[in-house]
């Protein structure tokens, strides 16, 4: 079950992705005539940085989800194994 850390991580990822997408749209439409030289480089570097942060957060979220799934599977197997009745006498009587 996702917890508050998962929700926070996903909101940050969404935030960085939306801001980077907004910068992409603004940079290609409204700001294109005014971006030149160092301002051009800084603007697109910030956009690249925000996109990279969104990717890193997505990878971290994927790792956390996989880890949680492995733990749940291990717990399920342990509960199943511990719930089995290991008496061979009962097995012989059912045949």
PDB file of N, CA and C in Angstrom:
ATOM      1  N   UNK A   1       0.845  -1.179   0.000  1.00  0.00           N
ATOM      2  CA  UNK A   1       0.000   0.000   0.000  1.00  0.00           C
ATOM      3  C   UNK A   1       0.888   1.239   0.000  1.00  0.00           C
ATOM      4  N   UNK A   2       0.660   2.163  -0.901  1.00  0.00           N
ATOM      5  CA  UNK A   2       1.473   3.386  -0.938  1.00  0.00           C
ATOM      6  C   UNK A   2       1.322   4.199   0.349  1.00  0.00           C
ATOM      7  N   UNK A   3       2.404   4.831   0.747  1.00  0.00           N
ATOM      8  CA  UNK A   3       2.366   5.660   1.950  1.00  0.00           C
ATOM      9  C   UNK A   3       2.620   7.116   1.583  1.00  0.00           C
ATOM     10  N   UNK A   4       2.803   7.950   2.602  1.00  0.00           N
ATOM     11  CA  UNK A   4       2.958   9.381   2.354  1.00  0.00           C
ATOM     12  C   UNK A   4       4.249   9.699   1.602  1.00  0.00           C
ATOM     13  N   UNK A   5       5.294   8.895   1.803  1.00  0.00           N
ATOM     14  CA  UNK A   5       6.543   9.126   1.063  1.00  0.00           C
ATOM     15  C   UNK A   5       6.330   8.876  -0.426  1.00  0.00           C
ATOM     16  N   UNK A   6       5.533   7.868  -0.760  1.00  0.00           N
ATOM     17  CA  UNK A   6       5.233   7.593  -2.172  1.00  0.00           C
ATOM     18  C   UNK A   6       4.438   8.741  -2.778  1.00  0.00           C
ATOM     19  N   UNK A   7       3.450   9.199  -2.048  1.00  0.00           N
ATOM     20  CA  UNK A   7       2.630  10.298  -2.561  1.00  0.00           C
ATOM     21  C   UNK A   7       3.469  11.557  -2.761  1.00  0.00           C
ATOM     22  N   UNK A   8       4.315  11.852  -1.798  1.00  0.00           N
ATOM     23  CA  UNK A   8       5.178  13.041  -1.909  1.00  0.00           C
ATOM     24  C   UNK A   8       6.120  12.906  -3.109  1.00  0.00           C
ATOM     25  N   UNK A   9       6.711  11.731  -3.262  1.00  0.00           N
ATOM     26  CA  UNK A   9       7.641  11.507  -4.374  1.00  0.00           C
ATOM     27  C   UNK A   9       6.910  11.661  -5.710  1.00  0.00           C
ATOM     28  N   UNK A  10       5.712  11.135  -5.802  1.00  0.00           N
ATOM     29  CA  UNK A  10       4.956  11.233  -7.062  1.00  0.00           C
ATOM     30  C   UNK A  10       4.517  12.657  -7.353  1.00  0.00           C
ATOM     31  N   UNK A  11       4.157  13.410  -6.322  1.00  0.00           N
ATOM     32  CA  UNK A  11       3.790  14.819  -6.532  1.00  0.00           C
ATOM     33  C   UNK A  11       4.996  15.629  -7.000  1.00  0.00           C
ATOM     34  N   UNK A  12       6.168  15.370  -6.404  1.00  0.00           N
ATOM     35  CA  UNK A  12       7.374  16.075  -6.857  1.00  0.00           C
ATOM     36  C   UNK A  12       7.686  15.728  -8.310  1.00  0.00           C
ATOM     37  N   UNK A  13       7.590  14.467  -8.652  1.00  0.00           N
ATOM     38  CA  UNK A  13       7.834  14.055 -10.035  1.00  0.00           C
ATOM     39  C   UNK A  13       6.879  14.722 -10.996  1.00  0.00           C
ATOM     40  N   UNK A  14       5.601  14.758 -10.632  1.00  0.00           N
ATOM     41  CA  UNK A  14       4.605  15.416 -11.474  1.00  0.00           C
ATOM     42  C   UNK A  14       4.887  16.911 -11.590  1.00  0.00           C
ATOM     43  N   UNK A  15       5.256  17.535 -10.481  1.00  0.00           N
ATOM     44  CA  UNK A  15       5.559  18.966 -10.490  1.00  0.00           C
ATOM     45  C   UNK A  15       6.711  19.277 -11.448  1.00  0.00           C
ATOM     46  N   UNK A  16       7.815  18.525 -11.319  1.00  0.00           N
ATOM     47  CA  UNK A  16       8.971  18.764 -12.192  1.00  0.00           C
ATOM     48  C   UNK A  16       8.620  18.522 -13.654  1.00  0.00           C
ATOM     49  N   UNK A  17       7.823  17.502 -13.915  1.00  0.00           N
ATOM     50  CA  UNK A  17       7.442  17.205 -15.291  1.00  0.00           C
ATOM     51  C   UNK A  17       6.551  18.291 -15.881  1.00  0.00           C
ATOM     52  N   UNK A  18       5.606  18.778 -15.092  1.00  0.00           N
ATOM     53  CA  UNK A  18       4.701  19.835 -15.582  1.00  0.00           C
ATOM     54  C   UNK A  18       5.470  21.131 -15.810  1.00  0.00           C
ATOM     55  N   UNK A  19       6.360  21.493 -14.892  1.00  0.00           N
ATOM     56  CA  UNK A  19       7.137  22.728 -15.066  1.00  0.00           C
ATOM     57  C   UNK A  19       8.041  22.615 -16.296  1.00  0.00           C
ATOM     58  N   UNK A  20       8.690  21.460 -16.477  1.00  0.00           N
ATOM     59  CA  UNK A  20       9.556  21.273 -17.651  1.00  0.00           C
ATOM     60  C   UNK A  20       8.729  21.333 -18.937  1.00  0.00           C
ATOM     61  N   UNK A  21       7.544  20.723 -18.922  1.00  0.00           N
ATOM     62  CA  UNK A  21       6.667  20.794 -20.105  1.00  0.00           C
ATOM     63  C   UNK A  21       6.214  22.216 -20.383  1.00  0.00           C
ATOM     64  N   UNK A  22       5.875  22.945 -19.336  1.00  0.00           N
ATOM     65  CA  UNK A  22       5.497  24.348 -19.514  1.00  0.00           C
ATOM     66  C   UNK A  22       6.645  25.180 -20.068  1.00  0.00           C
ATOM     67  N   UNK A  23       7.853  24.912 -19.549  1.00  0.00           N
ATOM     68  CA  UNK A  23       9.020  25.644 -20.069  1.00  0.00           C
ATOM     69  C   UNK A  23       9.270  25.307 -21.532  1.00  0.00           C
ATOM     70  N   UNK A  24       9.058  24.060 -21.898  1.00  0.00           N
ATOM     71  CA  UNK A  24       9.235  23.662 -23.294  1.00  0.00           C
ATOM     72  C   UNK A  24       8.266  24.402 -24.200  1.00  0.00           C
ATOM     73  N   UNK A  25       7.000  24.436 -23.808  1.00  0.00           N
ATOM     74  CA  UNK A  25       5.990  25.121 -24.620  1.00  0.00           C
ATOM     75  C   UNK A  25       6.274  26.615 -24.697  1.00  0.00           C
ATOM     76  N   UNK A  26       6.560  27.238 -23.551  1.00  0.00           N
ATOM     77  CA  UNK A  26       6.855  28.676 -23.546  1.00  0.00           C
ATOM     78  C   UNK A  26       8.129  28.998 -24.317  1.00  0.00           C
ATOM     79  N   UNK A  27       9.132  28.141 -24.169  1.00  0.00           N
ATOM     80  CA  UNK A  27      10.394  28.399 -24.856  1.00  0.00           C
ATOM     81  C   UNK A  27      10.290  28.284 -26.360  1.00  0.00           C
ATOM     82  N   UNK A  28       9.394  27.416 -26.837  1.00  0.00           N
ATOM     83  CA  UNK A  28       9.235  27.245 -28.276  1.00  0.00           C
ATOM     84  C   UNK A  28       8.208  28.190 -28.894  1.00  0.00           C
ATOM     85  N   UNK A  29       7.404  28.839 -28.073  1.00  0.00           N
ATOM     86  CA  UNK A  29       6.379  29.731 -28.624  1.00  0.00           C
ATOM     87  C   UNK A  29       6.620  31.184 -28.222  1.00  0.00           C
ATOM     88  N   UNK A  30       6.344  31.514 -26.989  1.00  0.00           N
ATOM     89  CA  UNK A  30       6.345  32.898 -26.538  1.00  0.00           C
ATOM     90  C   UNK A  30       7.761  33.469 -26.425  1.00  0.00           C
ATOM     91  N   UNK A  31       8.670  32.696 -25.827  1.00  0.00           N
ATOM     92  CA  UNK A  31      10.004  33.228 -25.537  1.00  0.00           C
ATOM     93  C   UNK A  31      11.032  32.997 -26.642  1.00  0.00           C
ATOM     94  N   UNK A  32      10.678  32.297 -27.691  1.00  0.00           N
ATOM     95  CA  UNK A  32      11.651  31.964 -28.730  1.00  0.00           C
ATOM     96  C   UNK A  32      12.348  33.195 -29.331  1.00  0.00           C
ATOM     97  N   UNK A  33      11.627  34.262 -29.645  1.00  0.00           N
ATOM     98  CA  UNK A  33      12.320  35.425 -30.217  1.00  0.00           C
ATOM     99  C   UNK A  33      13.256  36.130 -29.230  1.00  0.00           C
ATOM    100  N   UNK A  34      12.966  36.044 -27.930  1.00  0.00           N
ATOM    101  CA  UNK A  34      13.774  36.805 -26.973  1.00  0.00           C
ATOM    102  C   UNK A  34      14.907  35.993 -26.348  1.00  0.00           C
ATOM    103  N   UNK A  35      14.926  34.676 -26.534  1.00  0.00           N
ATOM    104  CA  UNK A  35      16.003  33.858 -25.970  1.00  0.00           C
ATOM    105  C   UNK A  35      17.180  33.816 -26.941  1.00  0.00           C
ATOM    106  N   UNK A  36      18.314  34.295 -26.456  1.00  0.00           N
ATOM    107  CA  UNK A  36      19.531  34.225 -27.274  1.00  0.00           C
ATOM    108  C   UNK A  36      20.744  34.265 -26.355  1.00  0.00           C
ATOM    109  N   UNK A  37      21.816  33.721 -26.825  1.00  0.00           N
ATOM    110  CA  UNK A  37      23.063  33.756 -26.077  1.00  0.00           C
ATOM    111  C   UNK A  37      23.004  32.963 -24.784  1.00  0.00           C
ATOM    112  N   UNK A  38      23.490  33.594 -23.713  1.00  0.00           N
ATOM    113  CA  UNK A  38      23.561  32.940 -22.414  1.00  0.00           C
ATOM    114  C   UNK A  38      22.163  32.652 -21.846  1.00  0.00           C
ATOM    115  N   UNK A  39      21.205  33.537 -22.092  1.00  0.00           N
ATOM    116  CA  UNK A  39      19.835  33.312 -21.615  1.00  0.00           C
ATOM    117  C   UNK A  39      19.252  32.052 -22.246  1.00  0.00           C
ATOM    118  N   UNK A  40      19.544  31.825 -23.525  1.00  0.00           N
ATOM    119  CA  UNK A  40      19.088  30.625 -24.212  1.00  0.00           C
ATOM    120  C   UNK A  40      19.660  29.374 -23.547  1.00  0.00           C
ATOM    121  N   UNK A  41      20.957  29.397 -23.294  1.00  0.00           N
ATOM    122  CA  UNK A  41      21.612  28.248 -22.672  1.00  0.00           C
ATOM    123  C   UNK A  41      21.096  27.990 -21.262  1.00  0.00           C
ATOM    124  N   UNK A  42      20.958  29.022 -20.468  1.00  0.00           N
ATOM    125  CA  UNK A  42      20.453  28.854 -19.102  1.00  0.00           C
ATOM    126  C   UNK A  42      19.013  28.355 -19.076  1.00  0.00           C
ATOM    127  N   UNK A  43      18.181  28.903 -19.928  1.00  0.00           N
ATOM    128  CA  UNK A  43      16.777  28.512 -19.969  1.00  0.00           C
ATOM    129  C   UNK A  43      16.646  27.024 -20.287  1.00  0.00           C
ATOM    130  N   UNK A  44      17.323  26.582 -21.331  1.00  0.00           N
ATOM    131  CA  UNK A  44      17.204  25.187 -21.732  1.00  0.00           C
ATOM    132  C   UNK A  44      17.947  24.256 -20.789  1.00  0.00           C
ATOM    133  N   UNK A  45      18.966  24.744 -20.109  1.00  0.00           N
ATOM    134  CA  UNK A  45      19.630  23.921 -19.095  1.00  0.00           C
ATOM    135  C   UNK A  45      18.691  23.673 -17.914  1.00  0.00           C
ATOM    136  N   UNK A  46      17.964  24.705 -17.497  1.00  0.00           N
ATOM    137  CA  UNK A  46      17.003  24.541 -16.403  1.00  0.00           C
ATOM    138  C   UNK A  46      15.894  23.575 -16.825  1.00  0.00           C
ATOM    139  N   UNK A  47      15.430  23.689 -18.050  1.00  0.00           N
ATOM    140  CA  UNK A  47      14.413  22.774 -18.560  1.00  0.00           C
ATOM    141  C   UNK A  47      14.950  21.337 -18.558  1.00  0.00           C
ATOM    142  N   UNK A  48      16.180  21.148 -19.018  1.00  0.00           N
ATOM    143  CA  UNK A  48      16.814  19.830 -19.014  1.00  0.00           C
ATOM    144  C   UNK A  48      16.979  19.310 -17.592  1.00  0.00           C
ATOM    145  N   UNK A  49      17.359  20.169 -16.674  1.00  0.00           N
ATOM    146  CA  UNK A  49      17.544  19.773 -15.283  1.00  0.00           C
ATOM    147  C   UNK A  49      16.220  19.314 -14.657  1.00  0.00           C
ATOM    148  N   UNK A  50      15.152  20.043 -14.901  1.00  0.00           N
ATOM    149  CA  UNK A  50      13.846  19.658 -14.370  1.00  0.00           C
ATOM    150  C   UNK A  50      13.367  18.330 -14.964  1.00  0.00           C
ATOM    151  N   UNK A  51      13.609  18.130 -16.240  1.00  0.00           N
ATOM    152  CA  UNK A  51      13.250  16.862 -16.878  1.00  0.00           C
ATOM    153  C   UNK A  51      14.062  15.718 -16.279  1.00  0.00           C
ATOM    154  N   UNK A  52      15.342  15.957 -16.053  1.00  0.00           N
ATOM    155  CA  UNK A  52      16.200  14.932 -15.446  1.00  0.00           C
ATOM    156  C   UNK A  52      15.742  14.596 -14.035  1.00  0.00           C
ATOM    157  N   UNK A  53      15.347  15.596 -13.272  1.00  0.00           N
ATOM    158  CA  UNK A  53      14.832  15.355 -11.923  1.00  0.00           C
ATOM    159  C   UNK A  53      13.561  14.505 -11.960  1.00  0.00           C
ATOM    160  N   UNK A  54      12.688  14.780 -12.917  1.00  0.00           N
ATOM    161  CA  UNK A  54      11.464  13.987 -13.048  1.00  0.00           C
ATOM    162  C   UNK A  54      11.803  12.528 -13.372  1.00  0.00           C
ATOM    163  N   UNK A  55      12.800  12.308 -14.208  1.00  0.00           N
ATOM    164  CA  UNK A  55      13.214  10.947 -14.562  1.00  0.00           C
ATOM    165  C   UNK A  55      13.816  10.238 -13.358  1.00  0.00           C
ATOM    166  N   UNK A  56      14.669  10.925 -12.615  1.00  0.00           N
ATOM    167  CA  UNK A  56      15.286  10.321 -11.426  1.00  0.00           C
ATOM    168  C   UNK A  56      14.219   9.953 -10.394  1.00  0.00           C
ATOM    169  N   UNK A  57      13.265  10.826 -10.187  1.00  0.00           N
ATOM    170  CA  UNK A  57      12.201  10.541  -9.228  1.00  0.00           C
ATOM    171  C   UNK A  57      11.364   9.353  -9.702  1.00  0.00           C
ATOM    172  N   UNK A  58      11.113   9.262 -11.010  1.00  0.00           N
ATOM    173  CA  UNK A  58      10.369   8.111 -11.536  1.00  0.00           C
ATOM    174  C   UNK A  58      11.135   6.810 -11.305  1.00  0.00           C
ATOM    175  N   UNK A  59      12.447   6.838 -11.483  1.00  0.00           N
ATOM    176  CA  UNK A  59      13.265   5.639 -11.248  1.00  0.00           C
ATOM    177  C   UNK A  59      13.245   5.267  -9.769  1.00  0.00           C
ATOM    178  N   UNK A  60      13.353   6.258  -8.893  1.00  0.00           N
ATOM    179  CA  UNK A  60      13.283   5.982  -7.455  1.00  0.00           C
ATOM    180  C   UNK A  60      11.923   5.398  -7.068  1.00  0.00           C
ATOM    181  N   UNK A  61      10.864   5.918  -7.652  1.00  0.00           N
ATOM    182  CA  UNK A  61       9.530   5.398  -7.367  1.00  0.00           C
ATOM    183  C   UNK A  61       9.395   3.967  -7.870  1.00  0.00           C
ATOM    184  N   UNK A  62       9.949   3.682  -9.032  1.00  0.00           N
ATOM    185  CA  UNK A  62       9.902   2.333  -9.578  1.00  0.00           C
ATOM    186  C   UNK A  62      10.652   1.360  -8.668  1.00  0.00           C
ATOM    187  N   UNK A  63      11.815   1.763  -8.179  1.00  0.00           N
ATOM    188  CA  UNK A  63      12.586   0.901  -7.276  1.00  0.00           C
ATOM    189  C   UNK A  63      11.829   0.650  -5.969  1.00  0.00           C
ATOM    190  N   UNK A  64      11.206   1.684  -5.427  1.00  0.00           N
ATOM    191  CA  UNK A  64      10.446   1.519  -4.185  1.00  0.00           C
ATOM    192  C   UNK A  64       9.255   0.594  -4.393  1.00  0.00           C
ATOM    193  N   UNK A  65       8.589   0.717  -5.523  1.00  0.00           N
ATOM    194  CA  UNK A  65       7.444  -0.136  -5.814  1.00  0.00           C
ATOM    195  C   UNK A  65       7.877  -1.584  -5.987  1.00  0.00           C
ATOM    196  N   UNK A  66       8.967  -1.808  -6.680  1.00  0.00           N
ATOM    197  CA  UNK A  66       9.484  -3.174  -6.849  1.00  0.00           C
ATOM    198  C   UNK A  66       9.906  -3.773  -5.511  1.00  0.00           C
ATOM    199  N   UNK A  67      10.575  -2.982  -4.684  1.00  0.00           N
ATOM    200  CA  UNK A  67      10.996  -3.473  -3.372  1.00  0.00           C
ATOM    201  C   UNK A  67       9.785  -3.864  -2.535  1.00  0.00           C
ATOM    202  N   UNK A  68       8.760  -3.018  -2.539  1.00  0.00           N
ATOM    203  CA  UNK A  68       7.558  -3.309  -1.773  1.00  0.00           C
ATOM    204  C   UNK A  68       6.864  -4.566  -2.310  1.00  0.00           C
ATOM    205  N   UNK A  69       6.839  -4.748  -3.615  1.00  0.00           N
ATOM    206  CA  UNK A  69       6.217  -5.938  -4.193  1.00  0.00           C
ATOM    207  C   UNK A  69       6.988  -7.200  -3.798  1.00  0.00           C
ATOM    208  N   UNK A  70       8.325  -7.134  -3.807  1.00  0.00           N
ATOM    209  CA  UNK A  70       9.131  -8.285  -3.367  1.00  0.00           C
ATOM    210  C   UNK A  70       8.861  -8.622  -1.914  1.00  0.00           C
ATOM    211  N   UNK A  71       8.790  -7.602  -1.059  1.00  0.00           N
ATOM    212  CA  UNK A  71       8.513  -7.837   0.364  1.00  0.00           C
ATOM    213  C   UNK A  71       7.135  -8.452   0.565  1.00  0.00           C
ATOM    214  N   UNK A  72       6.148  -7.962  -0.155  1.00  0.00           N
ATOM    215  CA  UNK A  72       4.795  -8.512  -0.041  1.00  0.00           C
ATOM    216  C   UNK A  72       4.765  -9.969  -0.509  1.00  0.00           C
ATOM    217  N   UNK A  73       5.468 -10.264  -1.603  1.00  0.00           N
ATOM    218  CA  UNK A  73       5.504 -11.634  -2.101  1.00  0.00           C
ATOM    219  C   UNK A  73       6.194 -12.556  -1.098  1.00  0.00           C
ATOM    220  N   UNK A  74       7.269 -12.087  -0.507  1.00  0.00           N
ATOM    221  CA  UNK A  74       7.980 -12.890   0.492  1.00  0.00           C
ATOM    222  C   UNK A  74       7.089 -13.145   1.706  1.00  0.00           C
ATOM    223  N   UNK A  75       6.387 -12.104   2.177  1.00  0.00           N
ATOM    224  CA  UNK A  75       5.483 -12.279   3.319  1.00  0.00           C
ATOM    225  C   UNK A  75       4.353 -13.255   2.991  1.00  0.00           C
ATOM    226  N   UNK A  76       3.829 -13.161   1.778  1.00  0.00           N
ATOM    227  CA  UNK A  76       2.761 -14.065   1.366  1.00  0.00           C
ATOM    228  C   UNK A  76       3.256 -15.508   1.350  1.00  0.00           C
ATOM    229  N   UNK A  77       4.448 -15.720   0.804  1.00  0.00           N
ATOM    230  CA  UNK A  77       5.005 -17.071   0.791  1.00  0.00           C
ATOM    231  C   UNK A  77       5.255 -17.583   2.205  1.00  0.00           C
ATOM    232  N   UNK A  78       5.752 -16.747   3.086  1.00  0.00           N
ATOM    233  CA  UNK A  78       5.992 -17.158   4.472  1.00  0.00           C
ATOM    234  C   UNK A  78       4.684 -17.508   5.175  1.00  0.00           C
ATOM    235  N   UNK A  79       3.653 -16.680   4.973  1.00  0.00           N
ATOM    236  CA  UNK A  79       2.357 -16.972   5.592  1.00  0.00           C
ATOM    237  C   UNK A  79       1.771 -18.266   5.047  1.00  0.00           C
ATOM    238  N   UNK A  80       1.910 -18.482   3.757  1.00  0.00           N
ATOM    239  CA  UNK A  80       1.394 -19.705   3.151  1.00  0.00           C
ATOM    240  C   UNK A  80       2.149 -20.915   3.679  1.00  0.00           C
ATOM    241  N   UNK A  81       3.458 -20.807   3.705  1.00  0.00           N
ATOM    242  CA  UNK A  81       4.275 -21.919   4.174  1.00  0.00           C
ATOM    243  C   UNK A  81       3.997 -22.225   5.652  1.00  0.00           C
ATOM    244  N   UNK A  82       3.879 -21.199   6.465  1.00  0.00           N
ATOM    245  CA  UNK A  82       3.603 -21.401   7.888  1.00  0.00           C
ATOM    246  C   UNK A  82       2.184 -21.913   8.131  1.00  0.00           C
ATOM    247  N   UNK A  83       1.279 -21.666   7.223  1.00  0.00           N
ATOM    248  CA  UNK A  83      -0.098 -22.110   7.372  1.00  0.00           C
ATOM    249  C   UNK A  83      -0.319 -23.553   6.948  1.00  0.00           C
ATOM    250  N   UNK A  84       0.655 -24.140   6.259  1.00  0.00           N
ATOM    251  CA  UNK A  84       0.519 -25.532   5.839  1.00  0.00           C
ATOM    252  C   UNK A  84       0.657 -26.454   7.037  1.00  0.00           C
ATOM    253  N   UNK A  85      -0.073 -27.530   7.005  1.00  0.00           N
ATOM    254  CA  UNK A  85      -0.006 -28.523   8.059  1.00  0.00           C
ATOM    255  C   UNK A  85       0.916 -29.633   7.564  1.00  0.00           C
ATOM    256  N   UNK A  86       2.057 -29.801   8.173  1.00  0.00           N
ATOM    257  CA  UNK A  86       3.070 -30.726   7.685  1.00  0.00           C
ATOM    258  C   UNK A  86       2.973 -32.074   8.397  1.00  0.00           C
ATOM    259  N   UNK A  87       1.844 -32.738   8.252  1.00  0.00           N
ATOM    260  CA  UNK A  87       1.698 -34.064   8.853  1.00  0.00           C
ATOM    261  C   UNK A  87       1.489 -35.081   7.743  1.00  0.00           C
ATOM    262  N   UNK A  88       2.470 -35.916   7.503  1.00  0.00           N
ATOM    263  CA  UNK A  88       2.331 -36.903   6.431  1.00  0.00           C
ATOM    264  C   UNK A  88       1.226 -37.917   6.699  1.00  0.00           C
ATOM    265  N   UNK A  89       0.820 -38.119   7.964  1.00  0.00           N
ATOM    266  CA  UNK A  89      -0.237 -39.074   8.282  1.00  0.00           C
ATOM    267  C   UNK A  89      -1.546 -38.669   7.605  1.00  0.00           C
ATOM    268  N   UNK A  90      -1.860 -37.380   7.622  1.00  0.00           N
ATOM    269  CA  UNK A  90      -3.101 -36.914   7.003  1.00  0.00           C
ATOM    270  C   UNK A  90      -3.069 -37.109   5.491  1.00  0.00           C
ATOM    271  N   UNK A  91      -1.904 -36.958   4.898  1.00  0.00           N
ATOM    272  CA  UNK A  91      -1.807 -37.101   3.453  1.00  0.00           C
ATOM    273  C   UNK A  91      -2.044 -38.548   3.039  1.00  0.00           C
ATOM    274  N   UNK A  92      -1.558 -39.480   3.821  1.00  0.00           N
ATOM    275  CA  UNK A  92      -1.741 -40.883   3.493  1.00  0.00           C
ATOM    276  C   UNK A  92      -3.196 -41.286   3.586  1.00  0.00           C
ATOM    277  N   UNK A  93      -3.977 -40.707   4.471  1.00  0.00           N
ATOM    278  CA  UNK A  93      -5.367 -41.077   4.662  1.00  0.00           C
ATOM    279  C   UNK A  93      -6.262 -40.557   3.549  1.00  0.00           C
ATOM    280  N   UNK A  94      -5.847 -39.471   2.863  1.00  0.00           N
ATOM    281  CA  UNK A  94      -6.682 -38.901   1.823  1.00  0.00           C
ATOM    282  C   UNK A  94      -6.571 -39.669   0.515  1.00  0.00           C
ATOM    283  N   UNK A  95      -5.625 -40.545   0.372  1.00  0.00           N
ATOM    284  CA  UNK A  95      -5.437 -41.268  -0.900  1.00  0.00           C
ATOM    285  C   UNK A  95      -6.331 -42.431  -1.031  1.00  0.00           C
TER     286      UNK A  95
END
